[in-house]
Amino acid sequence: MDDVHSGLSLVAIAHRLEAAGVLVPRDRHAQLHGRPTGGRRHGRDFDRFRWTAGSLSKILRTPTLMGHRVHRGKTVRDSEGSPVLIGPPLLTEEEFQALQDILNARSNGIHPKRRETSLLVGVAHCAGCSGRMYFATRKSYAYGDYACRASARGTTCPAPAAIRASWLDEYAVSRYREAFAVDGEVTRERLLRDGVRVTVAKGRSGGGPERLAGPDTSRLTFTVGPRP
């Protein structure tokens, strides 16, 4: 909690916990009951699960921190409306609310509209780790990016890539039309059907106004082949 109040991001805190060898609650519970840690997730086997910003956020948001019994994310209350307790609280109600206020404040801002299914999900991949890139909103900006999500998968990418989504969409559609000599709408289904893959390398920091004109295509690789 002190790290959150000091301004550290959840990603940074998760990395600290990983570096310190702290077990996630699921693994700690297994250890206390004499069971092996880790398990299978997203088709991969792990000897132990890793901290991510997402898993940390869920923990910091749960009323269990106040000692409450929780069902489907909500406090269970007795017939008089009082919280049902399962143990001593780690945070008082005031401390818990202060923590929520900080987390809520961080999530405020101007966000681009979230898309149910972005055009290049399953098509765009990070050159650093070969993992899929996903659409991500940007605080205080009216556009979003495709970004490497290795940390969300519990892994580390040596060169995580990110690029403005509208730029990459336009690049992929243009190259697809050139490759297949077609006009009309280009859908995600068509791209996947034809085995299109767009690989994005990490960009350099800094640069001048020319960076705002469009993507650095030297970072991008467009290939067509059998669907992986």
C-alpha atoms as a PDB file:
ATOM      1  CA  MET A   1       0.000   0.000   0.000  1.00  0.00           C
ATOM      2  CA  ASP A   2       2.859   2.378   0.760  1.00  0.00           C
ATOM      3  CA  ASP A   3       4.210   1.810  -2.760  1.00  0.00           C
ATOM      4  CA  VAL A   4       0.832   2.752  -4.252  1.00  0.00           C
ATOM      5  CA  HIS A   5       0.672   5.922  -2.156  1.00  0.00           C
ATOM      6  CA  SER A   6       4.226   6.803  -3.200  1.00  0.00           C
ATOM      7  CA  GLY A   7       3.154   6.841  -6.847  1.00  0.00           C
ATOM      8  CA  LEU A   8       4.677   3.574  -8.076  1.00  0.00           C
ATOM      9  CA  SER A   9       2.741   1.959 -10.905  1.00  0.00           C
ATOM     10  CA  LEU A  10       1.196  -1.461 -10.417  1.00  0.00           C
ATOM     11  CA  VAL A  11       3.546  -2.799 -13.085  1.00  0.00           C
ATOM     12  CA  ALA A  12       6.564  -1.573 -11.100  1.00  0.00           C
ATOM     13  CA  ILE A  13       5.190  -2.999  -7.857  1.00  0.00           C
ATOM     14  CA  ALA A  14       4.535  -6.356  -9.537  1.00  0.00           C
ATOM     15  CA  HIS A  15       8.145  -6.412 -10.766  1.00  0.00           C
ATOM     16  CA  ARG A  16       9.358  -5.678  -7.233  1.00  0.00           C
ATOM     17  CA  LEU A  17       7.340  -8.570  -5.839  1.00  0.00           C
ATOM     18  CA  GLU A  18       8.718 -10.869  -8.542  1.00  0.00           C
ATOM     19  CA  ALA A  19      12.298  -9.784  -7.860  1.00  0.00           C
ATOM     20  CA  ALA A  20      11.818 -10.384  -4.134  1.00  0.00           C
ATOM     21  CA  GLY A  21      10.486 -13.897  -4.775  1.00  0.00           C
ATOM     22  CA  VAL A  22       7.146 -13.186  -3.084  1.00  0.00           C
ATOM     23  CA  LEU A  23       4.545 -15.822  -3.944  1.00  0.00           C
ATOM     24  CA  VAL A  24       1.172 -14.819  -5.360  1.00  0.00           C
ATOM     25  CA  PRO A  25      -1.711 -15.644  -2.962  1.00  0.00           C
ATOM     26  CA  ARG A  26      -2.697 -18.732  -4.952  1.00  0.00           C
ATOM     27  CA  ASP A  27       0.794 -20.207  -4.685  1.00  0.00           C
ATOM     28  CA  ARG A  28       1.167 -19.183  -1.044  1.00  0.00           C
ATOM     29  CA  HIS A  29      -2.108 -20.943  -0.231  1.00  0.00           C
ATOM     30  CA  ALA A  30      -0.902 -24.083  -2.029  1.00  0.00           C
ATOM     31  CA  GLN A  31       2.413 -23.950  -0.157  1.00  0.00           C
ATOM     32  CA  LEU A  32       0.700 -23.640   3.228  1.00  0.00           C
ATOM     33  CA  HIS A  33      -1.404 -26.719   2.460  1.00  0.00           C
ATOM     34  CA  GLY A  34       1.525 -28.804   1.245  1.00  0.00           C
ATOM     35  CA  ARG A  35       0.555 -28.676  -2.439  1.00  0.00           C
ATOM     36  CA  PRO A  36       2.869 -27.816  -5.350  1.00  0.00           C
ATOM     37  CA  THR A  37       2.862 -24.240  -6.563  1.00  0.00           C
ATOM     38  CA  GLY A  38       2.064 -23.194 -10.100  1.00  0.00           C
ATOM     39  CA  GLY A  39      -0.080 -24.970 -12.628  1.00  0.00           C
ATOM     40  CA  ARG A  40      -1.376 -24.563 -16.152  1.00  0.00           C
ATOM     41  CA  ARG A  41      -2.507 -21.234 -17.589  1.00  0.00           C
ATOM     42  CA  HIS A  42      -3.100 -20.137 -21.189  1.00  0.00           C
ATOM     43  CA  GLY A  43      -1.866 -23.500 -22.427  1.00  0.00           C
ATOM     44  CA  ARG A  44       1.477 -23.250 -20.601  1.00  0.00           C
ATOM     45  CA  ASP A  45       2.799 -24.926 -17.443  1.00  0.00           C
ATOM     46  CA  PHE A  46       4.329 -22.761 -14.711  1.00  0.00           C
ATOM     47  CA  ASP A  47       6.269 -23.920 -11.647  1.00  0.00           C
ATOM     48  CA  ARG A  48       4.796 -20.861  -9.935  1.00  0.00           C
ATOM     49  CA  PHE A  49       2.512 -18.058 -11.045  1.00  0.00           C
ATOM     50  CA  ARG A  50       3.895 -14.588 -11.581  1.00  0.00           C
ATOM     51  CA  TRP A  51       2.752 -11.215 -10.345  1.00  0.00           C
ATOM     52  CA  THR A  52       1.160  -8.974 -12.971  1.00  0.00           C
ATOM     53  CA  ALA A  53      -0.424  -5.546 -12.743  1.00  0.00           C
ATOM     54  CA  GLY A  54      -3.789  -7.196 -13.361  1.00  0.00           C
ATOM     55  CA  SER A  55      -3.496  -9.757 -10.580  1.00  0.00           C
ATOM     56  CA  LEU A  56      -2.184  -7.101  -8.188  1.00  0.00           C
ATOM     57  CA  SER A  57      -5.091  -4.793  -9.014  1.00  0.00           C
ATOM     58  CA  LYS A  58      -7.608  -7.532  -8.195  1.00  0.00           C
ATOM     59  CA  ILE A  59      -6.005  -8.039  -4.790  1.00  0.00           C
ATOM     60  CA  LEU A  60      -5.933  -4.327  -4.005  1.00  0.00           C
ATOM     61  CA  ARG A  61      -9.590  -3.997  -4.998  1.00  0.00           C
ATOM     62  CA  THR A  62     -11.022  -6.836  -2.908  1.00  0.00           C
ATOM     63  CA  PRO A  63     -12.846  -6.069   0.391  1.00  0.00           C
ATOM     64  CA  THR A  64     -11.084  -9.140   1.785  1.00  0.00           C
ATOM     65  CA  LEU A  65      -8.350  -6.667   2.771  1.00  0.00           C
ATOM     66  CA  MET A  66     -10.793  -5.378   5.399  1.00  0.00           C
ATOM     67  CA  GLY A  67     -11.409  -8.914   6.667  1.00  0.00           C
ATOM     68  CA  HIS A  68     -14.714  -9.233   4.814  1.00  0.00           C
ATOM     69  CA  ARG A  69     -16.105 -12.448   3.418  1.00  0.00           C
ATOM     70  CA  VAL A  70     -16.489 -11.891  -0.319  1.00  0.00           C
ATOM     71  CA  HIS A  71     -18.749 -13.511  -2.911  1.00  0.00           C
ATOM     72  CA  ARG A  72     -18.360 -12.585  -6.590  1.00  0.00           C
ATOM     73  CA  GLY A  73     -16.299  -9.578  -5.649  1.00  0.00           C
ATOM     74  CA  LYS A  74     -18.835  -8.161  -3.192  1.00  0.00           C
ATOM     75  CA  THR A  75     -18.896  -8.080   0.614  1.00  0.00           C
ATOM     76  CA  VAL A  76     -21.208 -10.653   2.190  1.00  0.00           C
ATOM     77  CA  ARG A  77     -23.458  -9.023   4.795  1.00  0.00           C
ATOM     78  CA  ASP A  78     -25.525 -10.446   7.649  1.00  0.00           C
ATOM     79  CA  SER A  79     -29.232  -9.859   8.302  1.00  0.00           C
ATOM     80  CA  GLU A  80     -28.459  -6.488   9.871  1.00  0.00           C
ATOM     81  CA  GLY A  81     -26.362  -5.338   6.911  1.00  0.00           C
ATOM     82  CA  SER A  82     -23.008  -5.650   8.664  1.00  0.00           C
ATOM     83  CA  PRO A  83     -20.047  -7.251   6.841  1.00  0.00           C
ATOM     84  CA  VAL A  84     -19.441 -10.928   7.602  1.00  0.00           C
ATOM     85  CA  LEU A  85     -15.854 -11.191   8.788  1.00  0.00           C
ATOM     86  CA  ILE A  86     -13.445 -14.053   8.077  1.00  0.00           C
ATOM     87  CA  GLY A  87     -10.437 -12.777   9.958  1.00  0.00           C
ATOM     88  CA  PRO A  88      -8.580  -9.712  11.217  1.00  0.00           C
ATOM     89  CA  PRO A  89      -8.478  -6.840   8.694  1.00  0.00           C
ATOM     90  CA  LEU A  90      -5.264  -5.822   6.985  1.00  0.00           C
ATOM     91  CA  LEU A  91      -6.714  -2.370   6.290  1.00  0.00           C
ATOM     92  CA  THR A  92      -9.312  -0.259   8.061  1.00  0.00           C
ATOM     93  CA  GLU A  93     -12.315   0.923   6.052  1.00  0.00           C
ATOM     94  CA  GLU A  94     -10.728   4.386   5.823  1.00  0.00           C
ATOM     95  CA  GLU A  95      -7.425   2.969   4.571  1.00  0.00           C
ATOM     96  CA  PHE A  96      -9.196   0.722   2.068  1.00  0.00           C
ATOM     97  CA  GLN A  97     -11.251   3.614   0.710  1.00  0.00           C
ATOM     98  CA  ALA A  98      -8.150   5.811   0.438  1.00  0.00           C
ATOM     99  CA  LEU A  99      -6.492   3.049  -1.583  1.00  0.00           C
ATOM    100  CA  GLN A 100      -9.537   2.809  -3.880  1.00  0.00           C
ATOM    101  CA  ASP A 101      -9.504   6.574  -4.369  1.00  0.00           C
ATOM    102  CA  ILE A 102      -5.898   6.425  -5.559  1.00  0.00           C
ATOM    103  CA  LEU A 103      -6.555   3.523  -7.924  1.00  0.00           C
ATOM    104  CA  ASN A 104      -9.677   5.221  -9.279  1.00  0.00           C
ATOM    105  CA  ALA A 105      -7.817   8.494  -9.804  1.00  0.00           C
ATOM    106  CA  ARG A 106      -5.195   6.692 -11.857  1.00  0.00           C
ATOM    107  CA  SER A 107      -7.850   5.209 -14.093  1.00  0.00           C
ATOM    108  CA  ASN A 108      -9.467   8.576 -14.870  1.00  0.00           C
ATOM    109  CA  GLY A 109      -8.722  10.445 -18.074  1.00  0.00           C
ATOM    110  CA  ILE A 110      -9.780  10.740 -21.703  1.00  0.00           C
ATOM    111  CA  HIS A 111      -9.925   7.316 -23.265  1.00  0.00           C
ATOM    112  CA  PRO A 112     -10.515   6.249 -26.843  1.00  0.00           C
ATOM    113  CA  LYS A 113     -13.539   4.085 -27.386  1.00  0.00           C
ATOM    114  CA  ARG A 114     -12.747   0.476 -26.548  1.00  0.00           C
ATOM    115  CA  ARG A 115     -13.218  -1.907 -29.421  1.00  0.00           C
ATOM    116  CA  GLU A 116     -14.780  -5.297 -28.861  1.00  0.00           C
ATOM    117  CA  THR A 117     -12.404  -6.897 -31.352  1.00  0.00           C
ATOM    118  CA  SER A 118      -9.575  -4.829 -32.810  1.00  0.00           C
ATOM    119  CA  LEU A 119      -8.696  -5.384 -36.454  1.00  0.00           C
ATOM    120  CA  LEU A 120      -5.229  -6.800 -35.859  1.00  0.00           C
ATOM    121  CA  VAL A 121      -5.690  -8.998 -32.780  1.00  0.00           C
ATOM    122  CA  GLY A 122      -4.131 -12.307 -33.776  1.00  0.00           C
ATOM    123  CA  VAL A 123      -2.441 -10.574 -36.725  1.00  0.00           C
ATOM    124  CA  ALA A 124      -0.063  -8.110 -35.020  1.00  0.00           C
ATOM    125  CA  HIS A 125       2.862  -9.615 -33.110  1.00  0.00           C
ATOM    126  CA  CYS A 126       5.738  -8.171 -31.103  1.00  0.00           C
ATOM    127  CA  ALA A 127       9.174  -8.792 -32.621  1.00  0.00           C
ATOM    128  CA  GLY A 128      10.723  -8.929 -29.153  1.00  0.00           C
ATOM    129  CA  CYS A 129       8.855 -12.009 -27.931  1.00  0.00           C
ATOM    130  CA  SER A 130       6.656 -13.092 -30.888  1.00  0.00           C
ATOM    131  CA  GLY A 131       3.604 -12.666 -28.667  1.00  0.00           C
ATOM    132  CA  ARG A 132       0.323 -11.160 -29.790  1.00  0.00           C
ATOM    133  CA  MET A 133      -0.202  -7.421 -29.495  1.00  0.00           C
ATOM    134  CA  TYR A 134      -3.473  -6.067 -28.103  1.00  0.00           C
ATOM    135  CA  PHE A 135      -5.314  -2.776 -28.280  1.00  0.00           C
ATOM    136  CA  ALA A 136      -4.645  -0.558 -25.262  1.00  0.00           C
ATOM    137  CA  THR A 137      -6.113   2.819 -24.362  1.00  0.00           C
ATOM    138  CA  ARG A 138      -3.880   5.776 -23.515  1.00  0.00           C
ATOM    139  CA  LYS A 139      -4.693   8.184 -20.733  1.00  0.00           C
ATOM    140  CA  SER A 140      -5.456  11.736 -21.890  1.00  0.00           C
ATOM    141  CA  TYR A 141      -5.214  10.768 -25.563  1.00  0.00           C
ATOM    142  CA  ALA A 142      -8.024  10.241 -28.053  1.00  0.00           C
ATOM    143  CA  TYR A 143      -6.293   7.259 -29.640  1.00  0.00           C
ATOM    144  CA  GLY A 144      -4.979   3.884 -28.568  1.00  0.00           C
ATOM    145  CA  ASP A 145      -2.037   1.648 -29.315  1.00  0.00           C
ATOM    146  CA  TYR A 146      -1.323  -1.936 -30.137  1.00  0.00           C
ATOM    147  CA  ALA A 147       1.065  -3.038 -27.430  1.00  0.00           C
ATOM    148  CA  CYS A 148       3.025  -6.099 -26.341  1.00  0.00           C
ATOM    149  CA  ARG A 149       1.292  -7.735 -23.381  1.00  0.00           C
ATOM    150  CA  ALA A 150       4.056 -10.074 -22.209  1.00  0.00           C
ATOM    151  CA  SER A 151       3.734  -8.869 -18.610  1.00  0.00           C
ATOM    152  CA  ALA A 152       0.032  -9.747 -18.593  1.00  0.00           C
ATOM    153  CA  ARG A 153       0.973 -13.281 -19.676  1.00  0.00           C
ATOM    154  CA  GLY A 154       3.425 -13.547 -16.799  1.00  0.00           C
ATOM    155  CA  THR A 155       6.508 -13.363 -19.009  1.00  0.00           C
ATOM    156  CA  THR A 156       9.142 -10.743 -19.795  1.00  0.00           C
ATOM    157  CA  CYS A 157       9.745  -9.347 -23.290  1.00  0.00           C
ATOM    158  CA  PRO A 158      13.314  -8.166 -24.003  1.00  0.00           C
ATOM    159  CA  ALA A 159      12.052  -5.457 -26.406  1.00  0.00           C
ATOM    160  CA  PRO A 160       8.306  -4.771 -25.950  1.00  0.00           C
ATOM    161  CA  ALA A 161       6.805  -2.990 -28.946  1.00  0.00           C
ATOM    162  CA  ALA A 162       3.942  -0.510 -29.143  1.00  0.00           C
ATOM    163  CA  ILE A 163       2.524   1.519 -32.009  1.00  0.00           C
ATOM    164  CA  ARG A 164      -0.479   3.746 -32.638  1.00  0.00           C
ATOM    165  CA  ALA A 165      -3.379   1.471 -33.561  1.00  0.00           C
ATOM    166  CA  SER A 166      -4.779   3.574 -36.393  1.00  0.00           C
ATOM    167  CA  TRP A 167      -1.375   3.684 -38.078  1.00  0.00           C
ATOM    168  CA  LEU A 168      -0.878  -0.058 -37.903  1.00  0.00           C
ATOM    169  CA  ASP A 169      -4.427  -0.719 -39.115  1.00  0.00           C
ATOM    170  CA  GLU A 170      -3.876   1.508 -42.156  1.00  0.00           C
ATOM    171  CA  TYR A 171      -0.494  -0.072 -42.892  1.00  0.00           C
ATOM    172  CA  ALA A 172      -1.834  -3.620 -42.692  1.00  0.00           C
ATOM    173  CA  VAL A 173      -4.891  -2.895 -44.833  1.00  0.00           C
ATOM    174  CA  SER A 174      -2.779  -1.135 -47.463  1.00  0.00           C
ATOM    175  CA  ARG A 175      -0.266  -3.976 -47.675  1.00  0.00           C
ATOM    176  CA  TYR A 176      -3.066  -6.559 -47.775  1.00  0.00           C
ATOM    177  CA  ARG A 177      -4.774  -4.823 -50.693  1.00  0.00           C
ATOM    178  CA  GLU A 178      -1.465  -4.656 -52.541  1.00  0.00           C
ATOM    179  CA  ALA A 179      -0.686  -8.318 -51.894  1.00  0.00           C
ATOM    180  CA  PHE A 180      -4.126  -9.618 -52.908  1.00  0.00           C
ATOM    181  CA  ALA A 181      -5.134  -6.925 -55.420  1.00  0.00           C
ATOM    182  CA  VAL A 182      -8.488  -6.370 -53.729  1.00  0.00           C
ATOM    183  CA  ASP A 183     -10.632  -3.359 -52.865  1.00  0.00           C
ATOM    184  CA  GLY A 184     -13.457  -3.022 -50.378  1.00  0.00           C
ATOM    185  CA  GLU A 185     -13.549  -3.720 -46.673  1.00  0.00           C
ATOM    186  CA  VAL A 186     -10.705  -5.672 -45.110  1.00  0.00           C
ATOM    187  CA  THR A 187     -11.835  -7.546 -42.031  1.00  0.00           C
ATOM    188  CA  ARG A 188      -9.968  -9.342 -39.284  1.00  0.00           C
ATOM    189  CA  GLU A 189     -11.489 -12.617 -40.487  1.00  0.00           C
ATOM    190  CA  ARG A 190     -10.024 -12.106 -43.966  1.00  0.00           C
ATOM    191  CA  LEU A 191      -6.596 -11.284 -42.577  1.00  0.00           C
ATOM    192  CA  LEU A 192      -6.573 -14.380 -40.387  1.00  0.00           C
ATOM    193  CA  ARG A 193      -7.958 -16.579 -43.163  1.00  0.00           C
ATOM    194  CA  ASP A 194      -5.142 -15.549 -45.486  1.00  0.00           C
ATOM    195  CA  GLY A 195      -2.439 -16.015 -42.858  1.00  0.00           C
ATOM    196  CA  VAL A 196      -1.443 -12.358 -42.619  1.00  0.00           C
ATOM    197  CA  ARG A 197       1.067 -11.520 -39.909  1.00  0.00           C
ATOM    198  CA  VAL A 198       2.366  -8.052 -39.075  1.00  0.00           C
ATOM    199  CA  THR A 199       5.439  -7.977 -36.835  1.00  0.00           C
ATOM    200  CA  VAL A 200       6.320  -4.787 -34.957  1.00  0.00           C
ATOM    201  CA  ALA A 201       9.788  -4.047 -33.610  1.00  0.00           C
ATOM    202  CA  LYS A 202      10.364  -1.754 -30.647  1.00  0.00           C
ATOM    203  CA  GLY A 203      10.785   1.888 -31.658  1.00  0.00           C
ATOM    204  CA  ARG A 204      13.448   4.287 -30.534  1.00  0.00           C
ATOM    205  CA  SER A 205      12.676   6.832 -27.829  1.00  0.00           C
ATOM    206  CA  GLY A 206      12.865  10.523 -28.638  1.00  0.00           C
ATOM    207  CA  GLY A 207      12.788  11.915 -32.153  1.00  0.00           C
ATOM    208  CA  GLY A 208      11.417  15.010 -33.836  1.00  0.00           C
ATOM    209  CA  PRO A 209       8.076  16.154 -35.267  1.00  0.00           C
ATOM    210  CA  GLU A 210       8.395  13.669 -38.125  1.00  0.00           C
ATOM    211  CA  ARG A 211       7.386  10.936 -35.697  1.00  0.00           C
ATOM    212  CA  LEU A 212       3.864  12.386 -35.631  1.00  0.00           C
ATOM    213  CA  ALA A 213       3.419  12.006 -39.399  1.00  0.00           C
ATOM    214  CA  GLY A 214       2.963   8.249 -39.355  1.00  0.00           C
ATOM    215  CA  PRO A 215       4.622   4.937 -38.526  1.00  0.00           C
ATOM    216  CA  ASP A 216       8.274   4.148 -39.077  1.00  0.00           C
ATOM    217  CA  THR A 217       7.727   1.331 -41.559  1.00  0.00           C
ATOM    218  CA  SER A 218      11.275   0.050 -41.045  1.00  0.00           C
ATOM    219  CA  ARG A 219       9.909  -1.344 -37.751  1.00  0.00           C
ATOM    220  CA  LEU A 220       7.177  -3.291 -39.531  1.00  0.00           C
ATOM    221  CA  THR A 221       7.211  -6.630 -41.339  1.00  0.00           C
ATOM    222  CA  PHE A 222       4.239  -7.861 -43.359  1.00  0.00           C
ATOM    223  CA  THR A 223       4.085 -11.538 -44.288  1.00  0.00           C
ATOM    224  CA  VAL A 224       1.483 -13.888 -45.712  1.00  0.00           C
ATOM    225  CA  GLY A 225       1.388 -17.598 -45.122  1.00  0.00           C
ATOM    226  CA  PRO A 226      -0.466 -20.443 -43.441  1.00  0.00           C
ATOM    227  CA  ARG A 227      -2.290 -19.397 -40.299  1.00  0.00           C
ATOM    228  CA  PRO A 228      -0.206 -20.380 -37.227  1.00  0.00           C
END
